N, C-alpha and C. Protein backbone atom coordinates (compact mmCIF):
# COMPACT_ATOMS: atom_id res chain seq x y z
N UNK A 1 74.31 -32.80 37.09
CA UNK A 1 73.48 -32.12 36.41
C UNK A 1 72.33 -31.96 37.12
N UNK A 2 71.55 -33.29 37.25
CA UNK A 2 70.55 -33.43 37.87
C UNK A 2 70.25 -33.03 39.17
N UNK A 3 71.23 -33.45 39.90
CA UNK A 3 71.28 -33.02 41.47
C UNK A 3 71.02 -31.67 41.69
N UNK A 4 71.89 -30.83 40.68
CA UNK A 4 71.70 -29.09 40.78
C UNK A 4 70.48 -29.19 40.17
N UNK A 5 69.81 -29.34 39.40
CA UNK A 5 68.19 -29.07 39.17
C UNK A 5 67.43 -29.27 40.21
N UNK A 6 67.62 -30.27 40.89
CA UNK A 6 66.66 -30.97 42.06
C UNK A 6 67.14 -29.90 42.93
N UNK A 7 68.26 -29.54 43.45
CA UNK A 7 68.26 -28.31 44.50
C UNK A 7 67.75 -27.23 44.08
N UNK A 8 67.72 -26.72 42.82
CA UNK A 8 67.07 -25.49 42.64
C UNK A 8 65.81 -25.38 42.85
N UNK A 9 65.34 -26.77 42.53
CA UNK A 9 63.53 -26.78 42.55
C UNK A 9 63.20 -26.71 44.10
N UNK A 10 64.00 -27.45 44.94
CA UNK A 10 63.71 -27.30 46.22
C UNK A 10 63.77 -26.12 46.84
N UNK A 11 64.77 -25.33 46.64
CA UNK A 11 65.23 -24.13 47.20
C UNK A 11 63.92 -23.13 46.76
N UNK A 12 63.31 -23.04 45.55
CA UNK A 12 62.52 -22.63 44.84
C UNK A 12 61.12 -22.66 45.64
N UNK A 13 60.81 -23.63 45.81
CA UNK A 13 59.52 -24.15 46.45
C UNK A 13 59.73 -23.61 47.98
N UNK A 14 61.07 -23.80 48.84
CA UNK A 14 61.17 -23.16 50.18
C UNK A 14 60.82 -21.69 50.01
N UNK A 15 61.37 -21.26 48.80
CA UNK A 15 61.30 -19.85 48.62
C UNK A 15 59.80 -18.89 48.60
N UNK A 16 58.66 -19.81 47.87
CA UNK A 16 57.84 -19.55 47.75
C UNK A 16 56.89 -20.36 48.96
N UNK A 17 57.29 -20.39 49.93
CA UNK A 17 56.56 -21.03 51.30
C UNK A 17 55.78 -22.04 50.72
N UNK A 18 56.24 -22.92 49.94
CA UNK A 18 55.33 -24.06 49.50
C UNK A 18 55.76 -25.08 50.67
N UNK A 19 54.69 -25.82 51.42
CA UNK A 19 54.56 -26.87 52.30
C UNK A 19 54.22 -28.19 51.76
N UNK A 20 54.20 -29.52 52.47
CA UNK A 20 53.96 -30.63 52.26
C UNK A 20 52.35 -30.35 52.10
N UNK A 21 51.98 -29.80 53.39
CA UNK A 21 50.43 -29.47 53.77
C UNK A 21 49.92 -28.75 52.62
N UNK A 22 50.77 -27.61 52.22
CA UNK A 22 49.95 -26.93 50.74
C UNK A 22 49.69 -27.83 49.56
N UNK A 23 50.81 -28.48 49.30
CA UNK A 23 50.74 -29.37 48.27
C UNK A 23 49.60 -30.67 48.10
N UNK A 24 49.34 -30.95 49.20
CA UNK A 24 48.63 -32.35 49.61
C UNK A 24 47.07 -31.32 49.05
N UNK A 25 46.74 -30.33 49.88
CA UNK A 25 45.50 -29.73 49.47
C UNK A 25 45.44 -29.28 48.05
N UNK A 26 46.41 -29.19 47.39
CA UNK A 26 46.23 -28.55 46.08
C UNK A 26 45.99 -29.99 45.13
N UNK A 27 46.65 -31.32 45.82
CA UNK A 27 46.66 -32.33 45.14
C UNK A 27 45.18 -33.11 45.20
N UNK A 28 44.45 -32.77 46.68
CA UNK A 28 43.40 -33.11 46.89
C UNK A 28 42.32 -32.56 45.70
N UNK A 29 42.29 -30.93 45.42
CA UNK A 29 41.48 -30.68 44.16
C UNK A 29 42.00 -31.17 43.25
N UNK A 30 43.10 -31.37 42.57
CA UNK A 30 43.64 -31.72 41.53
C UNK A 30 42.84 -33.22 41.24
N UNK A 31 42.56 -33.99 42.40
CA UNK A 31 41.75 -35.24 42.10
C UNK A 31 40.42 -35.03 42.05
N UNK A 32 39.93 -34.03 42.05
CA UNK A 32 38.43 -33.99 42.27
C UNK A 32 37.73 -33.73 43.23
N UNK A 33 38.55 -33.49 44.57
CA UNK A 33 37.92 -33.53 45.81
C UNK A 33 37.81 -32.16 46.41
N UNK A 34 37.03 -32.04 47.50
CA UNK A 34 37.05 -30.59 48.18
C UNK A 34 37.70 -31.12 49.12
N UNK A 35 38.85 -30.06 49.17
CA UNK A 35 39.78 -30.28 50.56
C UNK A 35 39.19 -29.64 51.73
N UNK A 36 38.23 -28.69 51.54
CA UNK A 36 37.35 -28.29 52.91
C UNK A 36 36.38 -29.18 53.32
N UNK A 37 36.02 -30.48 53.00
CA UNK A 37 35.17 -30.82 53.60
C UNK A 37 35.60 -32.02 54.42
N UNK A 38 34.21 -32.10 55.68
CA UNK A 38 34.70 -32.60 56.73
C UNK A 38 35.83 -33.51 56.89
N UNK A 39 35.96 -34.70 55.99
CA UNK A 39 37.00 -35.70 56.37
C UNK A 39 37.96 -35.36 55.76
N UNK A 40 38.46 -34.37 54.98
CA UNK A 40 39.44 -34.18 54.21
C UNK A 40 40.10 -32.80 54.63
N UNK A 41 39.47 -32.07 55.65
CA UNK A 41 40.04 -30.58 56.24
C UNK A 41 40.96 -30.81 57.00
N UNK A 42 41.52 -31.51 57.28
CA UNK A 42 42.64 -31.90 58.70
C UNK A 42 43.72 -33.01 57.78
N UNK A 43 43.19 -33.18 56.66
CA UNK A 43 43.92 -34.62 55.91
C UNK A 43 45.53 -34.33 55.50
N UNK A 44 45.69 -32.83 54.95
CA UNK A 44 47.13 -32.19 54.85
C UNK A 44 48.10 -32.19 55.79
N UNK A 45 47.49 -31.78 57.04
CA UNK A 45 48.44 -31.78 58.03
C UNK A 45 48.68 -33.12 58.41
N UNK A 46 47.46 -34.29 58.40
CA UNK A 46 47.98 -35.64 58.95
C UNK A 46 48.93 -36.25 57.91
N UNK A 47 49.18 -36.11 56.56
CA UNK A 47 49.78 -36.29 55.62
C UNK A 47 51.01 -35.95 55.93
N UNK A 48 51.37 -34.69 55.89
CA UNK A 48 52.53 -33.77 56.36
C UNK A 48 53.41 -34.63 57.51
N UNK A 49 52.71 -34.95 58.64
CA UNK A 49 53.20 -35.61 60.03
C UNK A 49 53.41 -37.10 59.51
N UNK A 50 52.62 -37.90 58.56
CA UNK A 50 52.88 -39.22 58.57
C UNK A 50 54.33 -39.03 57.46
N UNK A 51 54.59 -38.26 56.51
CA UNK A 51 55.38 -38.35 55.74
C UNK A 51 56.84 -38.04 56.38
N UNK A 52 56.59 -36.57 57.41
CA UNK A 52 57.84 -36.82 57.88
C UNK A 52 58.51 -37.74 58.73
N UNK A 53 57.34 -38.52 59.25
CA UNK A 53 57.85 -39.44 60.01
C UNK A 53 58.37 -40.48 59.37
N UNK A 54 57.53 -40.97 58.03
CA UNK A 54 58.05 -41.84 57.01
C UNK A 54 59.44 -41.97 56.41
N UNK A 55 59.88 -40.47 56.33
CA UNK A 55 61.15 -40.40 55.62
C UNK A 55 62.09 -39.69 56.56
N UNK A 56 61.79 -40.11 57.88
CA UNK A 56 62.93 -39.52 58.78
C UNK A 56 64.40 -40.14 58.94
N UNK A 57 64.42 -41.13 58.25
CA UNK A 57 65.92 -41.56 58.16
C UNK A 57 66.73 -40.85 57.28
N UNK A 58 66.16 -39.68 56.79
CA UNK A 58 67.36 -38.78 56.14
C UNK A 58 67.75 -38.04 57.04
N UNK A 59 67.36 -37.92 58.35
CA UNK A 59 67.75 -36.72 59.07
C UNK A 59 68.64 -38.05 60.10
N UNK A 60 68.38 -38.66 60.16
CA UNK A 60 69.39 -39.97 61.19
C UNK A 60 70.68 -40.34 60.39
N UNK A 61 71.64 -40.58 61.46
CA UNK A 61 72.92 -40.73 61.33
C UNK A 61 73.09 -42.26 61.98
N UNK A 62 73.54 -43.08 61.53
CA UNK A 62 73.63 -44.27 61.77
C UNK A 62 74.69 -44.56 62.99
N UNK A 63 75.63 -43.87 62.59
CA UNK A 63 76.32 -43.72 64.09
C UNK A 63 76.01 -43.17 65.26
N UNK A 64 75.24 -42.18 65.26
CA UNK A 64 74.59 -41.90 66.54
C UNK A 64 73.57 -42.69 66.84
N UNK A 65 72.79 -43.22 65.89
CA UNK A 65 71.79 -44.34 66.39
C UNK A 65 72.45 -45.28 67.33
N UNK A 66 73.28 -45.84 66.60
CA UNK A 66 74.27 -46.86 67.09
C UNK A 66 74.68 -46.55 68.74
N UNK A 67 75.22 -45.03 68.77
CA UNK A 67 75.51 -44.34 70.09
C UNK A 67 76.42 -45.42 70.80
N UNK A 68 77.55 -45.64 70.20
CA UNK A 68 78.59 -46.23 70.78
C UNK A 68 78.48 -47.65 71.58
N UNK A 69 77.79 -48.22 70.99
CA UNK A 69 76.98 -49.90 71.24
C UNK A 69 77.81 -51.09 70.40
N UNK A 70 79.37 -50.42 70.54
CA UNK A 70 79.60 -51.79 69.88
C UNK A 70 80.89 -51.99 71.02
N UNK A 71 81.15 -53.16 70.91
CA UNK A 71 81.77 -53.82 72.09
C UNK A 71 83.06 -55.00 71.93
N UNK A 72 84.17 -54.95 72.37
CA UNK A 72 85.42 -55.77 72.14
C UNK A 72 84.83 -57.08 72.70
N UNK A 73 85.18 -58.09 72.04
CA UNK A 73 84.94 -59.59 72.51
C UNK A 73 85.71 -60.30 71.68
N UNK A 74 86.09 -61.61 72.17
CA UNK A 74 86.77 -62.39 71.27
C UNK A 74 85.58 -63.50 71.12
N UNK A 75 84.98 -63.35 69.74
CA UNK A 75 84.04 -64.15 69.25
C UNK A 75 83.86 -64.48 67.75
N UNK A 76 84.10 -65.70 67.69
CA UNK A 76 84.23 -65.63 65.93
C UNK A 76 83.20 -66.61 65.34
N UNK A 77 82.20 -66.44 66.09
CA UNK A 77 80.93 -67.51 65.34
C UNK A 77 79.97 -66.40 64.91
N UNK A 78 79.14 -67.03 63.62
CA UNK A 78 78.14 -65.93 63.41
C UNK A 78 77.00 -65.44 64.38
N UNK A 79 76.88 -64.31 64.14
CA UNK A 79 75.58 -63.56 64.89
C UNK A 79 74.41 -63.21 63.66
N UNK A 80 73.34 -63.63 64.37
CA UNK A 80 72.11 -63.18 63.41
C UNK A 80 71.04 -62.55 64.04
N UNK A 81 70.58 -61.47 63.52
CA UNK A 81 69.21 -61.09 63.87
C UNK A 81 68.25 -61.22 62.88
N UNK A 82 67.24 -62.07 62.95
CA UNK A 82 66.42 -62.31 62.03
C UNK A 82 64.86 -61.86 62.23
N UNK A 83 64.05 -62.04 61.19
CA UNK A 83 62.98 -61.34 61.13
C UNK A 83 62.70 -59.87 61.59
N UNK A 84 63.62 -59.23 61.07
CA UNK A 84 63.42 -57.64 61.48
C UNK A 84 62.57 -56.98 60.65
N UNK A 85 61.32 -56.56 61.11
CA UNK A 85 60.03 -56.03 60.49
C UNK A 85 60.42 -54.33 60.11
N UNK A 86 59.99 -54.36 58.87
CA UNK A 86 60.34 -52.79 58.62
C UNK A 86 59.14 -52.56 57.37
N UNK A 87 59.00 -51.38 57.16
CA UNK A 87 58.06 -50.53 56.35
C UNK A 87 58.98 -49.26 55.54
N UNK A 88 58.79 -49.30 54.27
CA UNK A 88 59.16 -48.35 53.55
C UNK A 88 58.33 -47.92 52.82
N UNK A 89 58.79 -46.75 51.97
CA UNK A 89 57.79 -46.28 50.71
C UNK A 89 58.73 -46.14 49.35
N UNK A 90 58.39 -47.03 48.28
CA UNK A 90 58.80 -47.23 47.12
C UNK A 90 58.92 -45.62 46.48
N UNK A 91 60.56 -45.66 46.05
CA UNK A 91 60.66 -44.13 45.50
C UNK A 91 60.08 -43.80 44.04
N UNK A 92 59.31 -45.15 43.41
CA UNK A 92 59.01 -44.85 42.12
C UNK A 92 57.56 -44.13 42.22
N UNK A 93 56.50 -44.72 43.00
CA UNK A 93 55.19 -44.46 43.29
C UNK A 93 54.90 -43.76 44.79
N UNK A 94 55.69 -43.86 45.67
CA UNK A 94 55.66 -43.44 46.84
C UNK A 94 54.71 -44.20 47.52
N UNK A 95 54.61 -45.58 47.02
CA UNK A 95 53.46 -46.54 47.73
C UNK A 95 54.38 -47.45 48.73
N UNK A 96 53.83 -47.80 49.71
CA UNK A 96 54.68 -48.76 50.80
C UNK A 96 55.14 -50.20 49.95
N UNK A 97 56.20 -50.24 50.77
CA UNK A 97 56.48 -51.84 50.72
C UNK A 97 57.00 -52.15 51.76
N UNK A 98 56.63 -53.53 52.44
CA UNK A 98 57.14 -54.03 53.74
C UNK A 98 57.49 -55.51 53.85
N UNK A 99 58.00 -55.82 55.15
CA UNK A 99 58.44 -57.30 54.93
C UNK A 99 59.52 -57.14 55.95
N UNK A 100 60.35 -58.19 56.33
CA UNK A 100 61.21 -58.54 57.06
C UNK A 100 62.74 -58.90 56.56
N UNK A 101 63.51 -58.43 57.40
CA UNK A 101 65.32 -58.54 56.90
C UNK A 101 65.79 -59.58 58.33
N UNK A 102 66.71 -60.06 57.51
CA UNK A 102 67.55 -60.96 58.10
C UNK A 102 69.23 -60.52 58.18
N UNK A 103 69.85 -60.29 59.26
CA UNK A 103 71.23 -59.57 59.15
C UNK A 103 72.22 -60.75 60.16
N UNK A 104 73.11 -61.01 59.24
CA UNK A 104 74.24 -61.67 60.01
C UNK A 104 75.72 -60.94 59.64
N UNK A 105 76.48 -61.38 60.42
CA UNK A 105 77.84 -61.03 60.55
C UNK A 105 79.17 -62.21 61.33
N UNK A 106 80.03 -62.21 60.78
CA UNK A 106 81.03 -62.88 61.12
C UNK A 106 82.26 -61.95 61.99
N UNK A 107 81.83 -61.83 63.51
CA UNK A 107 82.79 -60.50 64.02
C UNK A 107 84.28 -60.82 64.04
N UNK A 108 85.28 -60.07 64.10
CA UNK A 108 86.50 -60.39 64.47
C UNK A 108 87.04 -60.03 65.62
N UNK A 109 86.89 -58.78 65.96
CA UNK A 109 87.06 -58.22 67.57
C UNK A 109 86.35 -57.06 67.85
N UNK A 110 84.95 -57.06 67.40
CA UNK A 110 84.05 -56.26 68.01
C UNK A 110 82.58 -56.95 67.53
N UNK A 111 81.58 -56.54 68.35
CA UNK A 111 80.33 -56.87 68.05
C UNK A 111 79.59 -55.37 68.21
N UNK A 112 77.91 -55.67 67.49
CA UNK A 112 77.52 -54.71 67.77
C UNK A 112 76.10 -54.83 68.71
N UNK A 113 75.54 -53.81 69.39
CA UNK A 113 74.42 -54.43 70.48
C UNK A 113 73.33 -54.63 69.34
N UNK A 114 72.73 -55.92 69.93
CA UNK A 114 71.75 -56.57 68.90
C UNK A 114 70.36 -55.55 68.52
N UNK A 115 70.31 -54.47 69.43
CA UNK A 115 69.27 -53.70 69.36
C UNK A 115 69.38 -53.04 68.30
N UNK A 116 70.26 -52.60 68.01
CA UNK A 116 71.15 -51.52 67.08
C UNK A 116 70.87 -52.05 65.52
N UNK A 117 70.90 -53.01 65.66
CA UNK A 117 70.75 -53.78 64.02
C UNK A 117 69.12 -53.40 63.52
N UNK A 118 68.41 -53.46 64.41
CA UNK A 118 67.14 -53.30 63.68
C UNK A 118 66.79 -51.49 63.65
N UNK A 119 67.69 -50.94 64.27
CA UNK A 119 67.69 -49.52 64.56
C UNK A 119 68.60 -49.13 63.13
N UNK A 120 69.40 -50.00 62.74
CA UNK A 120 70.23 -49.26 61.50
C UNK A 120 69.42 -49.90 60.20
N UNK A 121 68.17 -50.84 60.46
CA UNK A 121 67.33 -51.07 59.25
C UNK A 121 66.47 -49.78 59.08
N UNK A 122 65.98 -49.24 60.39
CA UNK A 122 65.25 -48.16 60.26
C UNK A 122 65.52 -46.79 59.69
N UNK A 123 66.96 -46.77 60.01
CA UNK A 123 67.58 -45.43 59.39
C UNK A 123 67.15 -45.77 57.80
N UNK A 124 67.48 -46.65 57.27
CA UNK A 124 67.55 -46.52 55.90
C UNK A 124 66.06 -46.81 54.83
N UNK A 125 65.28 -47.73 55.75
CA UNK A 125 63.76 -48.18 55.71
C UNK A 125 62.93 -46.94 55.65
N UNK A 126 63.29 -45.88 56.51
CA UNK A 126 62.40 -44.58 56.82
C UNK A 126 62.94 -43.70 55.58
N UNK A 127 63.18 -44.15 54.21
CA UNK A 127 63.38 -43.24 53.50
C UNK A 127 62.60 -43.80 52.00
N UNK A 128 62.97 -42.54 51.15
CA UNK A 128 62.00 -43.07 49.67
C UNK A 128 63.31 -44.18 49.19
N UNK A 129 62.79 -45.36 48.88
CA UNK A 129 63.94 -46.51 48.68
C UNK A 129 63.44 -47.45 47.43
N UNK A 130 64.32 -48.28 47.31
CA UNK A 130 64.28 -49.38 46.29
C UNK A 130 64.76 -50.44 47.25
N UNK A 131 64.17 -51.56 47.17
CA UNK A 131 64.57 -52.84 48.21
C UNK A 131 66.00 -53.31 48.10
N UNK A 132 66.42 -53.45 46.54
CA UNK A 132 68.00 -53.72 46.33
C UNK A 132 69.01 -52.88 47.06
N UNK A 133 68.36 -51.36 47.00
CA UNK A 133 69.37 -50.61 47.77
C UNK A 133 69.23 -50.36 48.99
N UNK A 134 68.18 -50.68 49.84
CA UNK A 134 67.93 -50.86 51.28
C UNK A 134 68.77 -51.87 51.75
N UNK A 135 68.72 -53.31 50.74
CA UNK A 135 69.45 -54.31 51.16
C UNK A 135 70.98 -54.12 51.45
N UNK A 136 71.74 -53.53 50.23
CA UNK A 136 72.68 -52.86 50.15
C UNK A 136 73.61 -52.20 51.35
N UNK A 137 72.36 -51.13 51.85
CA UNK A 137 73.08 -49.87 52.54
C UNK A 137 73.04 -50.56 54.05
N UNK A 138 72.06 -51.42 54.49
CA UNK A 138 72.17 -51.94 55.90
C UNK A 138 73.65 -52.83 55.71
N UNK A 139 73.96 -53.94 54.96
CA UNK A 139 75.18 -54.58 55.06
C UNK A 139 76.32 -53.82 54.93
N UNK A 140 76.21 -52.80 54.11
CA UNK A 140 77.51 -51.74 53.80
C UNK A 140 77.96 -50.89 55.20
N UNK A 141 76.67 -50.64 55.77
CA UNK A 141 76.99 -50.15 57.19
C UNK A 141 77.40 -50.69 58.43
N UNK A 142 77.01 -52.10 58.27
CA UNK A 142 77.67 -52.69 59.43
C UNK A 142 78.89 -53.19 59.26
N UNK A 143 79.29 -53.35 57.81
CA UNK A 143 80.62 -53.88 57.44
C UNK A 143 81.51 -52.89 57.66
N UNK A 144 81.37 -51.43 57.49
CA UNK A 144 81.85 -50.30 57.86
C UNK A 144 81.99 -49.83 59.39
N UNK A 145 81.02 -50.03 60.11
CA UNK A 145 81.28 -50.13 61.60
C UNK A 145 81.88 -50.86 62.37
N UNK A 146 81.84 -52.08 62.34
CA UNK A 146 82.67 -53.20 62.64
C UNK A 146 83.68 -54.04 62.42
N UNK A 147 83.77 -53.82 61.03
CA UNK A 147 84.74 -54.46 60.37
C UNK A 147 84.86 -56.08 60.16
N UNK A 148 83.77 -56.58 60.07
CA UNK A 148 83.84 -58.16 60.48
C UNK A 148 84.36 -58.60 59.18
N UNK A 149 84.48 -60.17 59.59
CA UNK A 149 85.09 -60.90 58.75
C UNK A 149 83.89 -60.68 57.20
N UNK A 150 82.99 -60.77 57.65
CA UNK A 150 82.10 -60.50 56.35
C UNK A 150 80.34 -60.02 57.12
N UNK A 151 79.39 -59.61 56.25
CA UNK A 151 78.22 -59.54 56.29
C UNK A 151 77.26 -59.93 55.56
N UNK A 152 75.84 -60.59 55.98
CA UNK A 152 75.22 -61.17 54.84
C UNK A 152 73.69 -60.37 55.28
N UNK A 153 72.81 -60.43 54.46
CA UNK A 153 71.44 -59.55 54.67
C UNK A 153 70.49 -60.04 53.44
N UNK A 154 69.48 -60.58 53.93
CA UNK A 154 68.32 -61.25 53.23
C UNK A 154 67.18 -60.36 53.38
N UNK A 155 66.67 -59.86 52.67
CA UNK A 155 65.27 -58.86 52.54
C UNK A 155 64.29 -59.43 51.95
N UNK A 156 62.99 -59.65 52.37
CA UNK A 156 61.59 -60.22 51.83
C UNK A 156 60.92 -59.30 52.06
N UNK A 157 60.20 -58.85 50.80
CA UNK A 157 59.14 -57.62 51.24
C UNK A 157 58.26 -57.80 50.16
N UNK A 158 56.68 -57.12 50.62
CA UNK A 158 56.07 -57.37 49.27
C UNK A 158 55.54 -55.67 49.01
N UNK A 159 55.30 -55.31 47.95
CA UNK A 159 55.08 -53.95 47.36
C UNK A 159 53.70 -53.73 46.90
N UNK A 160 53.20 -52.64 47.55
CA UNK A 160 51.92 -52.17 46.87
C UNK A 160 51.80 -51.82 45.71
N UNK A 161 53.24 -51.12 45.15
CA UNK A 161 52.69 -50.75 43.85
C UNK A 161 52.68 -51.80 42.69
N UNK A 162 52.66 -53.07 43.25
CA UNK A 162 52.58 -54.69 42.18
C UNK A 162 51.37 -55.07 42.85
N UNK A 163 51.03 -54.81 44.20
CA UNK A 163 49.61 -55.26 44.69
C UNK A 163 48.62 -54.27 44.54
N UNK A 164 48.56 -53.31 44.23
CA UNK A 164 47.50 -52.51 44.10
C UNK A 164 47.41 -51.82 42.83
N UNK A 165 48.31 -51.64 41.94
CA UNK A 165 48.40 -51.11 40.61
C UNK A 165 49.24 -52.15 39.98
N UNK A 166 49.28 -51.70 38.45
CA UNK A 166 50.03 -52.40 37.70
C UNK A 166 49.86 -53.71 37.16
N UNK A 167 50.48 -55.26 37.81
CA UNK A 167 49.95 -56.31 38.00
C UNK A 167 49.12 -56.68 38.33
N UNK A 168 48.86 -56.08 39.59
CA UNK A 168 48.07 -56.11 40.68
C UNK A 168 47.92 -57.60 41.35
N UNK A 169 49.20 -58.26 41.47
CA UNK A 169 49.23 -59.69 41.66
C UNK A 169 49.68 -59.71 43.32
N UNK A 170 48.43 -59.68 44.33
CA UNK A 170 48.49 -59.55 45.65
C UNK A 170 49.24 -60.47 46.56
N UNK A 171 49.77 -61.58 46.10
CA UNK A 171 50.53 -62.56 46.79
C UNK A 171 52.06 -62.82 46.16
N UNK A 172 52.47 -61.58 45.49
CA UNK A 172 54.07 -61.88 45.22
C UNK A 172 54.61 -61.14 45.84
N UNK A 173 56.19 -61.83 45.87
CA UNK A 173 56.97 -61.16 47.11
C UNK A 173 58.05 -61.05 46.27
N UNK A 174 59.55 -60.08 46.93
CA UNK A 174 60.43 -60.03 46.22
C UNK A 174 61.38 -60.26 47.47
N UNK A 175 62.74 -60.95 46.85
CA UNK A 175 63.51 -60.90 48.06
C UNK A 175 65.04 -60.65 47.38
N UNK A 176 65.66 -60.16 48.28
CA UNK A 176 66.91 -59.37 47.91
C UNK A 176 68.10 -59.74 48.99
N UNK A 177 69.33 -59.96 48.48
CA UNK A 177 70.29 -60.10 49.29
C UNK A 177 71.65 -59.44 49.32
N UNK A 178 72.24 -59.22 50.06
CA UNK A 178 73.74 -58.43 50.04
C UNK A 178 74.96 -59.22 50.87
N UNK A 179 75.58 -59.86 50.12
CA UNK A 179 76.70 -60.72 51.06
C UNK A 179 78.28 -60.03 50.57
N UNK A 180 78.44 -59.79 51.71
CA UNK A 180 80.03 -59.11 51.80
C UNK A 180 81.18 -60.12 52.15
N UNK A 181 82.42 -60.08 52.02
CA UNK A 181 83.38 -60.82 52.48
C UNK A 181 83.40 -62.20 52.61
N UNK A 182 83.19 -63.04 53.83
CA UNK A 182 83.03 -64.11 53.95
C UNK A 182 82.11 -64.94 53.54
N UNK A 183 80.97 -64.23 53.35
CA UNK A 183 79.63 -64.36 52.80
C UNK A 183 79.39 -64.76 51.45
N UNK A 184 80.35 -63.80 51.00
CA UNK A 184 80.10 -63.58 49.34
C UNK A 184 81.47 -65.00 49.02
N UNK A 185 82.39 -64.75 49.48
CA UNK A 185 83.56 -65.78 49.25
C UNK A 185 83.67 -67.36 49.79
N UNK A 186 82.68 -67.57 50.84
CA UNK A 186 82.65 -68.84 51.31
C UNK A 186 81.36 -69.55 51.55
N UNK A 187 81.24 -70.41 50.09
CA UNK A 187 79.80 -71.01 50.14
C UNK A 187 79.28 -71.75 51.47
N UNK A 188 80.19 -72.19 52.37
CA UNK A 188 79.65 -72.81 53.43
C UNK A 188 79.28 -71.82 54.31
N UNK A 189 79.76 -70.63 54.51
CA UNK A 189 79.28 -69.61 55.26
C UNK A 189 77.65 -69.14 54.80
N UNK A 190 78.13 -68.80 53.60
CA UNK A 190 76.62 -68.51 53.06
C UNK A 190 75.31 -69.49 53.16
N UNK A 191 75.69 -70.71 53.02
CA UNK A 191 74.81 -71.64 53.22
C UNK A 191 74.30 -71.89 54.65
N UNK A 192 75.14 -71.76 55.52
CA UNK A 192 74.92 -72.14 57.02
C UNK A 192 74.00 -70.62 57.27
N UNK A 193 74.30 -69.58 56.77
CA UNK A 193 73.30 -68.30 57.02
C UNK A 193 71.93 -68.71 56.76
N UNK A 194 71.61 -69.06 55.17
CA UNK A 194 70.61 -69.19 54.77
C UNK A 194 69.70 -70.15 55.33
N UNK A 195 70.59 -71.47 56.04
CA UNK A 195 69.74 -72.44 56.62
C UNK A 195 69.31 -72.05 57.97
N UNK A 196 69.94 -71.26 58.64
CA UNK A 196 69.53 -70.76 60.24
C UNK A 196 68.27 -69.82 59.89
N UNK A 197 68.45 -68.87 58.67
CA UNK A 197 67.27 -67.93 58.69
C UNK A 197 65.62 -68.77 58.28
N UNK A 198 66.22 -69.76 57.87
CA UNK A 198 64.96 -70.52 56.85
C UNK A 198 64.42 -71.45 58.28
N UNK A 199 65.20 -71.74 59.31
CA UNK A 199 64.75 -72.72 60.34
C UNK A 199 64.09 -72.22 61.29
N UNK A 200 62.69 -72.72 61.81
CA UNK A 200 61.81 -72.14 62.67
C UNK A 200 62.44 -73.02 64.13
N UNK A 201 62.18 -72.19 65.26
CA UNK A 201 62.72 -72.28 66.18
C UNK A 201 61.76 -72.02 67.19
N UNK A 202 61.66 -72.97 68.25
CA UNK A 202 60.78 -73.20 69.36
C UNK A 202 60.93 -71.80 70.25
N UNK A 203 62.30 -71.12 70.01
CA UNK A 203 62.12 -69.84 70.90
C UNK A 203 61.39 -68.43 70.39
N UNK A 204 61.03 -68.71 69.08
CA UNK A 204 60.32 -67.47 68.61
C UNK A 204 59.06 -67.85 68.55
């Protein structure tokens, strides 16, 4: 029912010709500002462009982003891409949260192009999100694409909704994880993953 109501509201706004730009202009006025003053006259356009970029993940298909970069190979050791930087928007306050994600999987017969894993992260980060769901979506997508023995994802992030408002704790962070298949079932696999992502390497 809620989804139907939301869809009706969206269609109503579209029929009324409401745009992000128009709404931001009205928001500025509601905040007590003059939307026409020099520093703000082009702000609604800039916010429109920024928001469309920051939420572009809604229009991205993970399969198209990967673009066939799935390769048959006999390799049964852990593959890890660590320290993947991301930025997202909290769906509760639409304030940024940012951090890094570590992704690992145990392949069976296929691997995924290494550069595609950060792109998968971006698909889901560039949406209104919560950290817990973002972590799960990345793990589940990789699991579905290459059917490995398991997938492990750890996400570390700092949230502006905690830093700038509310509790105002500037140095607080959050860590979430998603462990699928062997990473959930085998403690030694999970421990190896956590050890490797915490280890500093001269290569980086």
